[in-house]
Protein backbone atom coordinates (compact mmCIF):
# COMPACT_ATOMS: atom_id res chain seq x y z
CA HIS A 1 -0.59 23.11 1.18
CA LEU A 2 -1.18 24.92 4.36
CA HIS A 3 1.31 25.16 7.17
CA SER A 4 -1.14 23.81 9.16
CA ASN A 5 -1.90 20.57 7.40
CA LEU A 6 1.63 19.35 9.03
CA ALA A 7 0.25 20.17 12.15
CA ALA A 8 -2.87 18.42 11.49
CA THR A 9 -1.11 14.92 10.44
CA ALA A 10 0.69 14.83 13.75
CA GLU A 11 -2.31 15.70 15.89
CA THR A 12 -4.38 12.88 14.01
CA TYR A 13 -2.43 9.80 12.38
CA ALA A 14 1.06 10.36 14.96
CA LYS A 15 -0.24 10.84 17.90
CA GLN A 16 -3.55 8.53 18.02
CA VAL A 17 -2.82 6.12 15.97
CA LEU A 18 1.08 5.94 16.35
CA GLY A 19 0.77 7.14 20.23
CA ILE A 20 4.15 8.54 18.92
CA ARG A 21 6.07 9.35 22.05
CA GLU A 22 9.38 11.52 23.49
CA ASP A 23 11.87 8.31 23.76
CA ASP A 24 10.63 6.87 20.27
CA VAL A 25 13.17 6.41 17.53
CA GLY A 26 12.11 6.42 14.40
CA LEU A 27 13.34 4.70 11.08
CA SER A 28 11.53 5.71 7.61
CA ALA A 29 12.55 4.00 4.21
CA ALA A 30 10.51 6.71 2.56
CA LYS A 31 12.62 10.49 1.88
CA LEU A 32 11.47 13.57 2.90
CA PHE A 33 10.70 14.73 -0.21
CA PHE A 34 7.74 12.13 -0.09
CA ALA A 35 4.52 13.33 1.67
CA TYR A 36 4.85 9.98 3.49
CA GLY A 37 8.74 10.42 4.54
CA LEU A 38 7.81 13.84 5.38
CA GLY A 39 5.43 13.21 8.40
CA ASN A 40 7.51 9.88 9.32
CA ALA A 41 10.70 12.01 9.41
CA LEU A 42 10.11 15.18 10.27
CA THR A 43 6.78 16.22 11.42
CA PHE A 44 6.00 13.09 13.69
CA PRO A 45 9.38 13.39 15.43
CA MET A 46 9.59 17.13 15.83
CA SER A 47 5.88 16.98 17.38
CA VAL A 48 7.01 15.21 20.23
CA GLY A 49 10.82 15.77 20.26
CA ALA A 50 11.44 12.36 19.18
CA THR A 51 14.32 11.02 17.27
CA THR A 52 14.75 10.40 13.50
CA VAL A 53 17.03 8.52 11.68
CA LEU A 54 18.06 10.20 8.20
CA ASN A 55 19.24 7.60 5.45
CA SER A 56 20.80 8.60 2.56
CA GLU A 57 21.07 5.37 0.41
CA ARG A 58 18.85 3.57 -1.75
CA PRO A 59 15.85 1.72 0.81
CA THR A 60 17.36 -1.94 0.20
CA PRO A 61 17.07 -4.67 2.89
CA ALA A 62 21.09 -4.64 3.71
CA VAL A 63 20.61 -0.72 4.72
CA MET A 64 17.74 -1.00 6.34
CA PHE A 65 18.98 -3.98 8.46
CA ALA A 66 22.27 -2.07 9.23
CA LEU A 67 20.39 1.32 10.15
CA MET A 68 18.16 -0.85 12.60
CA ASN A 69 21.15 -2.61 14.13
CA LYS A 70 22.84 1.05 14.37
CA TYR A 71 19.66 3.18 15.83
CA HIS A 72 17.49 0.47 17.42
CA PRO A 73 14.27 2.27 16.06
CA SER A 74 11.42 1.86 18.10
CA ILE A 75 9.09 2.89 14.78
CA PHE A 76 9.82 1.70 11.14
CA PHE A 77 8.27 3.04 8.61
CA GLY A 78 8.16 0.85 5.58
CA VAL A 79 6.39 0.01 2.33
CA PRO A 80 4.94 -3.43 0.87
CA THR A 81 7.64 -3.62 -1.85
CA LEU A 82 10.12 -3.45 1.34
CA PHE A 83 8.69 -5.37 3.84
CA ALA A 84 8.35 -8.49 1.17
CA ALA A 85 12.24 -7.91 0.21
CA MET A 86 13.66 -7.73 3.59
CA LEU A 87 11.61 -10.98 4.41
CA ASN A 88 12.80 -12.61 1.39
CA ASP A 89 16.61 -11.39 1.46
CA GLU A 90 18.84 -14.43 1.60
CA ALA A 91 21.57 -12.24 2.41
CA THR A 92 19.68 -10.88 5.40
CA LYS A 93 17.87 -14.28 6.68
CA THR A 94 19.23 -13.88 10.19
CA GLN A 95 18.91 -10.25 10.91
CA SER A 96 16.65 -8.79 13.46
CA GLY A 97 14.36 -5.71 13.57
CA GLY A 98 16.39 -5.10 16.88
CA ASP A 99 15.28 -5.03 20.54
CA ARG A 100 13.07 -1.73 20.68
CA LEU A 101 11.29 -1.75 17.87
CA ARG A 102 7.56 -1.60 18.68
CA VAL A 103 4.97 -1.01 15.84
CA CYS A 104 5.80 -0.72 12.19
CA THR A 105 3.87 0.99 9.23
CA SER A 106 2.92 0.66 5.81
CA ALA A 107 1.36 2.86 3.09
CA GLY A 108 2.03 3.66 -0.91
CA GLU A 109 0.11 0.28 -1.43
CA ALA A 110 -1.62 -2.06 0.01
CA LEU A 111 -0.08 -4.55 1.94
CA PRO A 112 -0.73 -8.34 1.22
CA GLU A 113 -2.08 -10.18 3.90
CA SER A 114 0.78 -13.05 3.40
CA VAL A 115 3.39 -9.92 3.79
CA GLY A 116 1.97 -8.84 7.27
CA ASN A 117 1.67 -12.56 8.66
CA ALA A 118 5.06 -13.33 7.74
CA TRP A 119 6.57 -9.90 9.25
CA ARG A 120 4.61 -10.29 12.65
CA ALA A 121 5.79 -14.45 12.35
CA ARG A 122 9.49 -13.06 12.10
CA PHE A 123 10.07 -9.91 14.45
CA GLY A 124 6.75 -10.25 16.40
CA VAL A 125 5.79 -6.85 15.95
CA ASP A 126 2.61 -5.81 13.61
CA ILE A 127 2.54 -3.30 10.39
CA LEU A 128 0.31 -1.14 10.56
CA ASP A 129 -1.25 -1.03 6.91
CA GLY A 130 -2.61 2.27 5.84
CA VAL A 131 -3.08 4.26 3.00
CA GLY A 132 -2.38 8.27 2.54
CA SER A 133 -1.70 10.61 -0.15
CA THR A 134 -0.03 13.62 -1.56
CA GLU A 135 -2.99 15.51 -1.70
CA LEU A 136 -4.04 14.38 2.24
CA LEU A 137 -0.25 14.78 3.38
CA HIS A 138 0.03 11.74 5.23
CA ILE A 139 -2.17 8.37 6.04
CA PHE A 140 -5.99 8.97 6.94
CA LEU A 141 -6.95 5.35 6.65
CA SER A 142 -5.33 2.77 8.83
CA ASN A 143 -5.41 -0.45 10.97
CA ALA A 144 -3.93 0.44 14.46
CA PRO A 145 -2.61 -1.08 17.54
CA GLY A 146 -5.22 -3.84 19.16
CA ASP A 147 -7.21 -2.91 15.81
CA ILE A 148 -5.67 -4.97 13.22
CA LYS A 149 -7.18 -7.01 10.10
CA TYR A 150 -4.23 -7.82 7.41
CA GLY A 151 -5.94 -7.47 4.27
CA SER A 152 -7.74 -4.93 4.88
CA SER A 153 -6.83 -0.77 5.32
CA GLY A 154 -8.69 -0.43 8.65
CA ARG A 155 -10.77 2.23 9.68
CA PRO A 156 -10.58 6.35 9.14
CA VAL A 157 -8.19 7.64 11.48
CA PRO A 158 -9.19 9.90 13.79
CA GLY A 159 -10.22 13.37 12.66
CA TYR A 160 -10.90 12.14 8.89
CA LYS A 161 -14.29 11.21 7.58
CA VAL A 162 -14.65 8.93 4.48
CA ARG A 163 -17.32 8.34 1.78
CA LEU A 164 -17.15 5.38 -0.97
CA VAL A 165 -19.72 7.13 -4.27
CA ASN A 166 -20.42 5.10 -7.32
CA GLU A 167 -19.96 6.99 -10.90
CA ALA A 168 -23.16 9.13 -10.07
CA GLY A 169 -22.06 10.23 -6.97
CA ALA A 170 -24.25 8.31 -4.35
CA ASP A 171 -23.04 6.40 -1.39
CA VAL A 172 -22.49 2.82 -1.64
CA ALA A 173 -23.77 0.03 0.37
CA ASP A 174 -21.44 -2.15 2.79
CA GLY A 175 -19.35 -4.76 0.30
CA GLU A 176 -19.95 -2.47 -3.09
CA VAL A 177 -17.15 -0.95 -5.01
CA GLY A 178 -16.78 3.07 -4.36
CA GLU A 179 -14.60 5.37 -5.19
CA LEU A 180 -12.98 6.80 -1.67
CA LEU A 181 -13.57 10.21 -0.80
CA VAL A 182 -11.76 11.89 2.11
CA ASP A 183 -13.03 14.89 4.51
CA ALA A 184 -9.44 15.67 6.06
CA PRO A 185 -8.27 18.63 8.34
CA SER A 186 -5.04 18.02 6.21
CA ALA A 187 -6.33 18.07 2.49
CA GLY A 188 -4.08 20.49 0.41
CA GLU A 189 -5.80 23.91 -1.22
CA SER A 190 -5.21 23.11 -5.12
CA TYR A 191 -2.74 21.59 -7.20
CA TRP A 192 0.29 24.32 -8.45
CA ASN A 193 -1.23 26.24 -11.66
CA GLN A 194 -3.51 22.93 -12.58
CA ARG A 195 -7.23 24.60 -12.10
CA ALA A 196 -9.01 21.79 -14.09
CA LYS A 197 -7.45 19.14 -12.14
CA SER A 198 -7.67 21.30 -8.74
CA ARG A 199 -11.60 21.57 -9.56
CA ALA A 200 -11.76 17.57 -10.26
CA THR A 201 -9.91 16.56 -6.84
CA PHE A 202 -11.18 18.93 -4.18
CA GLU A 203 -15.09 19.61 -3.93
CA GLY A 204 -15.34 21.43 -1.03
CA ALA A 205 -14.76 19.71 1.78
CA TRP A 206 -13.90 16.55 0.36
CA THR A 207 -11.07 14.83 -1.74
CA ARG A 208 -11.34 12.51 -4.33
CA THR A 209 -8.53 9.97 -3.59
CA GLY A 210 -9.09 7.67 -6.93
CA ASP A 211 -9.38 5.40 -4.95
CA LYS A 212 -11.20 2.18 -5.18
CA TYR A 213 -12.50 0.27 -2.32
CA THR A 214 -15.20 -1.68 -0.43
CA ARG A 215 -16.41 -1.35 3.03
CA ASP A 216 -17.55 -4.50 5.35
CA ALA A 217 -20.18 -4.09 8.39
CA ASP A 218 -17.79 -3.42 10.68
CA GLY A 219 -16.44 -0.29 9.41
CA ARG A 220 -13.27 -1.57 7.64
CA TYR A 221 -11.94 -0.39 4.43
CA THR A 222 -10.84 -2.73 1.67
CA PHE A 223 -8.06 -1.60 -1.31
CA CYS A 224 -9.59 -2.74 -4.70
CA GLY A 225 -7.29 -1.05 -6.77
CA ARG A 226 -6.61 2.58 -8.44
CA ALA A 227 -9.81 3.83 -10.75
CA ASP A 228 -7.61 3.36 -13.42
CA ASP A 229 -6.58 -0.28 -12.76
CA MET A 230 -9.77 -1.80 -12.17
CA PHE A 231 -11.59 -3.72 -14.69
CA LYS A 232 -14.54 -5.85 -15.26
CA VAL A 233 -14.33 -9.46 -16.03
CA SER A 234 -17.96 -10.87 -17.24
CA GLY A 235 -19.49 -7.87 -15.74
CA ILE A 236 -17.64 -8.17 -12.48
CA TRP A 237 -15.16 -5.77 -11.28
CA VAL A 238 -11.84 -7.12 -10.94
CA SER A 239 -9.38 -6.19 -8.34
CA PRO A 240 -5.51 -6.18 -9.56
CA PHE A 241 -4.61 -5.90 -5.81
CA GLU A 242 -6.69 -9.34 -5.38
CA VAL A 243 -5.32 -11.17 -8.05
CA GLU A 244 -1.87 -10.08 -7.17
CA SER A 245 -2.21 -10.71 -3.36
CA ALA A 246 -3.20 -14.69 -4.55
CA LEU A 247 -0.63 -14.87 -6.93
CA ILE A 248 1.82 -14.23 -4.26
CA THR A 249 0.84 -16.67 -1.98
CA HIS A 250 2.10 -19.48 -4.25
CA PRO A 251 5.57 -20.99 -3.10
CA ALA A 252 7.35 -19.93 -6.29
CA VAL A 253 6.25 -16.32 -6.50
CA LEU A 254 8.08 -13.40 -4.85
CA GLU A 255 6.24 -10.47 -6.66
CA ALA A 256 3.09 -9.67 -9.21
CA ALA A 257 1.30 -7.20 -11.58
CA VAL A 258 -1.89 -7.56 -12.86
CA VAL A 259 -3.05 -5.60 -15.90
CA PRO A 260 -6.37 -6.05 -18.44
CA GLU A 261 -5.39 -7.09 -21.72
CA ALA A 262 -8.10 -8.06 -24.33
CA ASP A 263 -8.72 -11.63 -25.68
CA PRO A 264 -9.23 -12.32 -29.25
CA GLU A 265 -13.26 -11.52 -28.86
CA GLY A 266 -11.79 -8.13 -27.84
CA LEU A 267 -12.53 -8.51 -23.73
CA LEU A 268 -10.66 -7.55 -21.32
CA LYS A 269 -9.22 -10.47 -19.33
CA PRO A 270 -6.35 -10.19 -16.33
CA LYS A 271 -2.59 -10.58 -17.57
CA ALA A 272 0.05 -11.20 -14.82
CA TYR A 273 3.44 -10.37 -14.49
CA VAL A 274 5.50 -12.24 -12.07
CA VAL A 275 8.83 -12.13 -10.74
CA LEU A 276 9.89 -15.89 -9.26
CA ARG A 277 11.66 -16.51 -6.16
CA PRO A 278 15.80 -17.43 -6.88
CA GLU A 279 15.09 -21.05 -5.82
CA SER A 280 11.77 -21.21 -8.50
CA SER A 281 11.60 -22.62 -11.94
CA ALA A 282 8.95 -21.31 -14.47
CA GLU A 283 8.47 -24.66 -16.25
CA GLY A 284 5.14 -26.17 -15.69
CA LEU A 285 4.21 -23.45 -13.48
CA HIS A 286 1.80 -21.39 -15.91
CA GLU A 287 -1.28 -23.59 -15.17
CA ALA A 288 -0.50 -24.34 -11.63
CA LEU A 289 -0.77 -20.46 -10.88
CA LYS A 290 -3.77 -20.30 -12.52
CA GLU A 291 -5.57 -22.97 -10.75
CA HIS A 292 -4.09 -21.43 -7.75
CA VAL A 293 -5.80 -18.33 -8.21
CA LYS A 294 -8.96 -19.91 -9.26
CA GLN A 295 -8.86 -21.94 -5.46
CA LYS A 296 -7.79 -18.71 -3.82
CA ILE A 297 -10.48 -16.10 -5.36
CA GLY A 298 -12.70 -17.53 -7.96
CA PRO A 299 -12.67 -18.68 -11.64
CA TRP A 300 -13.35 -15.71 -13.32
CA LYS A 301 -10.20 -13.67 -11.81
CA TYR A 302 -7.45 -15.78 -12.63
CA PRO A 303 -5.04 -14.73 -15.01
CA ARG A 304 -5.46 -16.05 -18.91
CA TRP A 305 -1.96 -14.67 -19.63
CA ILE A 306 1.23 -15.05 -17.12
CA ASP A 307 4.96 -13.48 -18.17
CA VAL A 308 7.89 -14.43 -16.04
CA VAL A 309 9.81 -11.53 -16.11
CA ASP A 310 13.26 -10.51 -13.76
CA ASN A 311 11.78 -7.05 -12.12
CA LEU A 312 8.83 -5.27 -12.76
CA PRO A 313 8.97 -1.05 -12.91
CA LYS A 314 8.62 0.58 -9.84
CA THR A 315 8.68 4.26 -8.49
CA ALA A 316 11.53 5.70 -6.31
CA THR A 317 8.96 4.54 -3.48
CA GLY A 318 8.78 1.22 -4.58
CA LYS A 319 5.08 1.45 -6.13
CA ILE A 320 4.65 -1.09 -9.25
CA GLN A 321 4.06 1.22 -12.33
CA ARG A 322 1.09 -1.35 -13.53
CA PHE A 323 0.57 1.63 -16.63
CA LYS A 324 4.10 0.48 -18.13
CA LEU A 325 2.89 -2.74 -17.84
CA ARG A 326 -0.44 -1.86 -19.71
CA ASP A 327 1.42 -0.30 -22.48
CA GLY A 328 3.45 -3.11 -23.27
CA ALA A 329 0.47 -5.23 -22.96
CA GLN A 330 -1.39 -3.37 -25.71
């Protein structure tokens, strides 16, 4: 990255979406060595002289609520798995977000609609769900105050241009799945000592994100999955995120991850791994979850197999590592 990329993220997302100001106090779950955390806890507050809270501990619900109670942040930067955990952690059920909290942000993975609505109902504050990447340094597609649609990643951040293209590189129409390309003032120059990967990712002004999206008639973008996570069932694209979002609306399910698995005929079908809520039982649940997904999103997208597990493999930022589940399924 160039030094000017840091300033670009502050001038665009921080000032024009977050509306960050000098009297803000920011608390970021992501640490400084992540691109998301670097903007949240360093670049953004320094750009306006705001205050930042740095935390060296693992960002558990208990730790985050303790920091909120001590420092009363006005902006909380989280990730979907943490928001869900903070909503469902029995030990912190009575905790509040503090009396100064005015906005929250989410990135890393798409925020399920049910989590966004539950957070707003409990804390009275919206989560601005967005998408960013290390290559583009911070969030480039986001919901904004007064323009929020939970379940979507919102619209391009001012200063950024986006395209959705098919495998041939042609733009796709509204409602069609395409790979997301971004023309960004904060785009990196290359990967260090990885020329082939750099050439495949940074194509002139455009950066390939590897994310699959759809765009609606209002110009909002909805995440479908990573290009290597998407698969077709009966010739129709299936988004793991869509199936996962349907599964977690069932009262017994805390977390879910979906990957493709081949049936006896060698055809790919969805397989789900679910973590249950503490009070829930797996007895009789498999068929109930299949019917629940059919009713929510359609009869061909339901998981043919469901494994109940104690936890899901995740990165340090809380992203589900589906490739580990794919390897296990195969």
